[in-house]
Amino acid sequence: EEFKTLKNQGNDFVKKGKYEEAVNKYSECMKLNTEECTIYTNRALCYLKLYKYEEAKQDCDHVLQIEDSNIKAFYRRALAYKGLQVRKKNMAGI
C-alpha cells in the first residue's frame, strides 16, 4: 500500500516536471520492492531528463536482468547510451 502511494507520488512529480523529487519517491519504492520493473524504468526516465545518463543506464540494465524483453528499458537504455556518446564527443571537443 505504501509502495503504491510512493509510486503515485513519483508519477505525479514526473507529470509536473519535478524529476529530482520523482527520483526520490521511486528510490523509496525500491527499498520496499526491488523486483518492480516499472519503478526502475520510471526512474531511468527521470535520470534521462536530468542528464544523468550513467544512472539511467544502470536502472535499465537492472530491469533487463529481470525482464530481458522490457521494451521501455531497451529504449531508455539506448537514449542513455546516446547521451553518454554526445557527452563524450563534447568533452573531446573542448
N, C-alpha and C. Protein backbone atom coordinates (compact mmCIF):
# COMPACT_ATOMS: atom_id res chain seq x y z
N GLU A 1 0.84 -1.21 0.00
CA GLU A 1 0.00 0.00 0.00
C GLU A 1 0.87 1.26 0.00
N GLU A 2 1.84 1.28 0.91
CA GLU A 2 2.77 2.42 0.95
C GLU A 2 3.52 2.53 -0.38
N PHE A 3 3.87 1.35 -0.92
CA PHE A 3 4.57 1.30 -2.20
C PHE A 3 3.76 2.01 -3.29
N LYS A 4 2.46 1.68 -3.35
CA LYS A 4 1.59 2.26 -4.37
C LYS A 4 1.49 3.78 -4.21
N THR A 5 1.38 4.24 -2.97
CA THR A 5 1.31 5.67 -2.67
C THR A 5 2.57 6.39 -3.15
N LEU A 6 3.73 5.82 -2.81
CA LEU A 6 5.00 6.43 -3.22
C LEU A 6 5.13 6.46 -4.74
N LYS A 7 4.73 5.36 -5.37
CA LYS A 7 4.81 5.29 -6.84
C LYS A 7 3.93 6.36 -7.47
N ASN A 8 2.71 6.51 -6.96
CA ASN A 8 1.80 7.53 -7.49
C ASN A 8 2.34 8.93 -7.27
N GLN A 9 2.94 9.16 -6.11
CA GLN A 9 3.54 10.47 -5.85
C GLN A 9 4.68 10.74 -6.84
N GLY A 10 5.48 9.71 -7.08
CA GLY A 10 6.56 9.83 -8.06
C GLY A 10 6.02 10.16 -9.44
N ASN A 11 4.96 9.46 -9.84
CA ASN A 11 4.35 9.70 -11.16
C ASN A 11 3.81 11.13 -11.26
N ASP A 12 3.22 11.62 -10.17
CA ASP A 12 2.70 12.99 -10.16
C ASP A 12 3.83 14.01 -10.33
N PHE A 13 4.96 13.76 -9.66
CA PHE A 13 6.11 14.64 -9.81
C PHE A 13 6.60 14.66 -11.25
N VAL A 14 6.61 13.50 -11.89
CA VAL A 14 7.05 13.41 -13.29
C VAL A 14 6.15 14.28 -14.16
N LYS A 15 4.84 14.17 -13.96
CA LYS A 15 3.89 14.96 -14.75
C LYS A 15 4.12 16.45 -14.59
N LYS A 16 4.60 16.84 -13.41
CA LYS A 16 4.85 18.27 -13.14
C LYS A 16 6.27 18.68 -13.55
N GLY A 17 7.04 17.72 -14.04
CA GLY A 17 8.41 18.03 -14.45
C GLY A 17 9.37 18.14 -13.28
N LYS A 18 8.97 17.62 -12.11
CA LYS A 18 9.84 17.66 -10.93
C LYS A 18 10.58 16.33 -10.81
N TYR A 19 11.62 16.20 -11.64
CA TYR A 19 12.28 14.90 -11.79
C TYR A 19 13.11 14.49 -10.57
N GLU A 20 13.77 15.47 -9.93
CA GLU A 20 14.56 15.15 -8.72
C GLU A 20 13.66 14.54 -7.65
N GLU A 21 12.49 15.18 -7.43
CA GLU A 21 11.55 14.69 -6.42
C GLU A 21 11.04 13.31 -6.79
N ALA A 22 10.76 13.12 -8.07
CA ALA A 22 10.29 11.82 -8.54
C ALA A 22 11.33 10.73 -8.29
N VAL A 23 12.60 11.04 -8.56
CA VAL A 23 13.68 10.08 -8.32
C VAL A 23 13.68 9.66 -6.85
N ASN A 24 13.51 10.62 -5.95
CA ASN A 24 13.48 10.31 -4.52
C ASN A 24 12.34 9.36 -4.17
N LYS A 25 11.16 9.61 -4.73
CA LYS A 25 10.00 8.75 -4.45
C LYS A 25 10.23 7.34 -4.99
N TYR A 26 10.73 7.25 -6.24
CA TYR A 26 10.97 5.94 -6.83
C TYR A 26 12.05 5.18 -6.04
N SER A 27 13.05 5.92 -5.56
CA SER A 27 14.11 5.27 -4.78
C SER A 27 13.54 4.72 -3.47
N GLU A 28 12.60 5.44 -2.87
CA GLU A 28 11.94 4.95 -1.66
C GLU A 28 11.14 3.68 -1.98
N CYS A 29 10.49 3.66 -3.14
CA CYS A 29 9.74 2.47 -3.57
C CYS A 29 10.66 1.26 -3.64
N MET A 30 11.87 1.47 -4.14
CA MET A 30 12.81 0.37 -4.33
C MET A 30 13.21 -0.26 -3.01
N LYS A 31 13.18 0.53 -1.93
CA LYS A 31 13.50 -0.03 -0.61
C LYS A 31 12.43 -1.03 -0.19
N LEU A 32 11.20 -0.82 -0.69
CA LEU A 32 10.09 -1.70 -0.34
C LEU A 32 9.97 -2.89 -1.29
N ASN A 33 10.37 -2.69 -2.55
CA ASN A 33 10.23 -3.75 -3.55
C ASN A 33 11.26 -3.55 -4.66
N THR A 34 12.23 -4.43 -4.74
CA THR A 34 13.29 -4.28 -5.75
C THR A 34 12.95 -4.99 -7.06
N GLU A 35 11.85 -5.73 -7.07
CA GLU A 35 11.51 -6.53 -8.26
C GLU A 35 10.56 -5.81 -9.22
N GLU A 36 10.03 -4.67 -8.82
CA GLU A 36 9.04 -3.94 -9.63
C GLU A 36 9.77 -3.16 -10.74
N CYS A 37 9.72 -3.68 -11.95
CA CYS A 37 10.48 -3.09 -13.06
C CYS A 37 10.03 -1.68 -13.42
N THR A 38 8.75 -1.42 -13.29
CA THR A 38 8.22 -0.10 -13.66
C THR A 38 8.93 1.03 -12.93
N ILE A 39 9.23 0.79 -11.67
CA ILE A 39 9.90 1.81 -10.86
C ILE A 39 11.25 2.17 -11.46
N TYR A 40 11.96 1.15 -11.90
CA TYR A 40 13.29 1.38 -12.48
C TYR A 40 13.21 2.11 -13.82
N THR A 41 12.25 1.71 -14.66
CA THR A 41 12.14 2.40 -15.95
C THR A 41 11.65 3.83 -15.74
N ASN A 42 10.79 4.05 -14.76
CA ASN A 42 10.34 5.41 -14.46
C ASN A 42 11.50 6.25 -13.95
N ARG A 43 12.29 5.67 -13.05
CA ARG A 43 13.43 6.43 -12.53
C ARG A 43 14.45 6.69 -13.63
N ALA A 44 14.61 5.73 -14.53
CA ALA A 44 15.53 5.93 -15.66
C ALA A 44 15.08 7.12 -16.50
N LEU A 45 13.77 7.23 -16.72
CA LEU A 45 13.24 8.38 -17.47
C LEU A 45 13.63 9.69 -16.78
N CYS A 46 13.48 9.74 -15.47
CA CYS A 46 13.84 10.94 -14.72
C CYS A 46 15.32 11.24 -14.86
N TYR A 47 16.14 10.20 -14.75
CA TYR A 47 17.58 10.41 -14.90
C TYR A 47 17.92 10.95 -16.28
N LEU A 48 17.24 10.45 -17.30
CA LEU A 48 17.48 10.97 -18.65
C LEU A 48 17.15 12.46 -18.72
N LYS A 49 16.03 12.84 -18.11
CA LYS A 49 15.62 14.25 -18.11
C LYS A 49 16.62 15.12 -17.35
N LEU A 50 17.31 14.50 -16.38
CA LEU A 50 18.29 15.23 -15.56
C LEU A 50 19.71 15.10 -16.14
N TYR A 51 19.83 14.50 -17.32
CA TYR A 51 21.11 14.28 -17.99
C TYR A 51 22.04 13.39 -17.17
N LYS A 52 21.46 12.50 -16.37
CA LYS A 52 22.26 11.54 -15.59
C LYS A 52 22.21 10.20 -16.34
N TYR A 53 22.96 10.15 -17.43
CA TYR A 53 22.87 9.01 -18.35
C TYR A 53 23.38 7.71 -17.75
N GLU A 54 24.46 7.79 -16.99
CA GLU A 54 25.04 6.57 -16.40
C GLU A 54 24.04 5.92 -15.44
N GLU A 55 23.38 6.75 -14.62
CA GLU A 55 22.39 6.23 -13.68
C GLU A 55 21.20 5.62 -14.43
N ALA A 56 20.77 6.29 -15.50
CA ALA A 56 19.66 5.79 -16.30
C ALA A 56 20.01 4.42 -16.89
N LYS A 57 21.23 4.31 -17.40
CA LYS A 57 21.69 3.05 -17.99
C LYS A 57 21.69 1.94 -16.94
N GLN A 58 22.15 2.24 -15.73
CA GLN A 58 22.20 1.23 -14.67
C GLN A 58 20.80 0.73 -14.31
N ASP A 59 19.83 1.66 -14.22
CA ASP A 59 18.46 1.25 -13.92
C ASP A 59 17.92 0.33 -15.01
N CYS A 60 18.19 0.68 -16.26
CA CYS A 60 17.72 -0.13 -17.39
C CYS A 60 18.40 -1.50 -17.40
N ASP A 61 19.70 -1.52 -17.11
CA ASP A 61 20.42 -2.80 -17.04
C ASP A 61 19.78 -3.70 -15.98
N HIS A 62 19.42 -3.10 -14.85
CA HIS A 62 18.79 -3.87 -13.77
C HIS A 62 17.47 -4.50 -14.25
N VAL A 63 16.65 -3.70 -14.92
CA VAL A 63 15.37 -4.20 -15.42
C VAL A 63 15.59 -5.34 -16.41
N LEU A 64 16.55 -5.18 -17.29
CA LEU A 64 16.78 -6.18 -18.34
C LEU A 64 17.35 -7.49 -17.76
N GLN A 65 17.93 -7.44 -16.57
CA GLN A 65 18.36 -8.68 -15.91
C GLN A 65 17.13 -9.46 -15.41
N ILE A 66 16.09 -8.72 -15.02
CA ILE A 66 14.86 -9.35 -14.52
C ILE A 66 13.94 -9.73 -15.68
N GLU A 67 13.75 -8.76 -16.59
CA GLU A 67 12.84 -8.93 -17.73
C GLU A 67 13.60 -8.63 -19.01
N ASP A 68 14.12 -9.63 -19.66
CA ASP A 68 15.01 -9.39 -20.79
C ASP A 68 14.32 -8.90 -22.07
N SER A 69 13.01 -8.72 -22.00
CA SER A 69 12.32 -8.21 -23.20
C SER A 69 11.55 -6.93 -22.89
N ASN A 70 11.96 -6.22 -21.84
CA ASN A 70 11.27 -4.99 -21.46
C ASN A 70 11.62 -3.87 -22.45
N ILE A 71 10.64 -3.51 -23.27
CA ILE A 71 10.85 -2.54 -24.35
C ILE A 71 11.26 -1.17 -23.82
N LYS A 72 10.58 -0.71 -22.78
CA LYS A 72 10.91 0.60 -22.20
C LYS A 72 12.36 0.63 -21.74
N ALA A 73 12.80 -0.43 -21.12
CA ALA A 73 14.18 -0.49 -20.62
C ALA A 73 15.17 -0.44 -21.79
N PHE A 74 14.88 -1.19 -22.85
CA PHE A 74 15.75 -1.16 -24.03
C PHE A 74 15.81 0.25 -24.63
N TYR A 75 14.65 0.86 -24.77
CA TYR A 75 14.56 2.18 -25.39
C TYR A 75 15.29 3.24 -24.55
N ARG A 76 15.02 3.22 -23.25
CA ARG A 76 15.63 4.23 -22.39
C ARG A 76 17.13 4.00 -22.24
N ARG A 77 17.55 2.73 -22.28
CA ARG A 77 18.98 2.47 -22.22
C ARG A 77 19.66 2.99 -23.48
N ALA A 78 18.98 2.84 -24.61
CA ALA A 78 19.52 3.37 -25.86
C ALA A 78 19.68 4.89 -25.77
N LEU A 79 18.67 5.56 -25.20
CA LEU A 79 18.75 7.01 -25.02
C LEU A 79 19.91 7.38 -24.09
N ALA A 80 20.11 6.57 -23.06
CA ALA A 80 21.21 6.82 -22.12
C ALA A 80 22.56 6.68 -22.85
N TYR A 81 22.69 5.62 -23.65
CA TYR A 81 23.93 5.43 -24.42
C TYR A 81 24.16 6.62 -25.35
N LYS A 82 23.09 7.07 -25.99
CA LYS A 82 23.20 8.20 -26.91
C LYS A 82 23.67 9.44 -26.15
N GLY A 83 23.10 9.67 -24.98
CA GLY A 83 23.51 10.81 -24.16
C GLY A 83 24.96 10.72 -23.74
N LEU A 84 25.40 9.52 -23.39
CA LEU A 84 26.80 9.34 -23.00
C LEU A 84 27.73 9.59 -24.18
N GLN A 85 27.32 9.16 -25.36
CA GLN A 85 28.13 9.37 -26.57
C GLN A 85 28.28 10.85 -26.88
N VAL A 86 27.17 11.57 -26.81
CA VAL A 86 27.18 13.01 -27.09
C VAL A 86 28.09 13.72 -26.08
N ARG A 87 27.95 13.32 -24.81
CA ARG A 87 28.78 13.92 -23.77
C ARG A 87 30.26 13.67 -24.04
N LYS A 88 30.59 12.45 -24.47
CA LYS A 88 31.99 12.10 -24.75
C LYS A 88 32.53 12.96 -25.89
N LYS A 89 31.70 13.13 -26.94
CA LYS A 89 32.11 13.96 -28.09
C LYS A 89 32.35 15.40 -27.65
N ASN A 90 31.45 15.91 -26.82
CA ASN A 90 31.58 17.29 -26.35
C ASN A 90 32.83 17.46 -25.50
N MET A 91 33.15 16.48 -24.69
CA MET A 91 34.35 16.53 -23.86
C MET A 91 35.60 16.53 -24.73
N ALA A 92 35.55 15.71 -25.79
CA ALA A 92 36.70 15.59 -26.69
C ALA A 92 36.94 16.90 -27.44
N GLY A 93 35.87 17.63 -27.69
CA GLY A 93 35.95 18.87 -28.46
C GLY A 93 36.45 20.05 -27.67
N ILE A 94 36.58 19.90 -26.37
CA ILE A 94 36.98 21.04 -25.51
C ILE A 94 38.47 21.26 -25.60
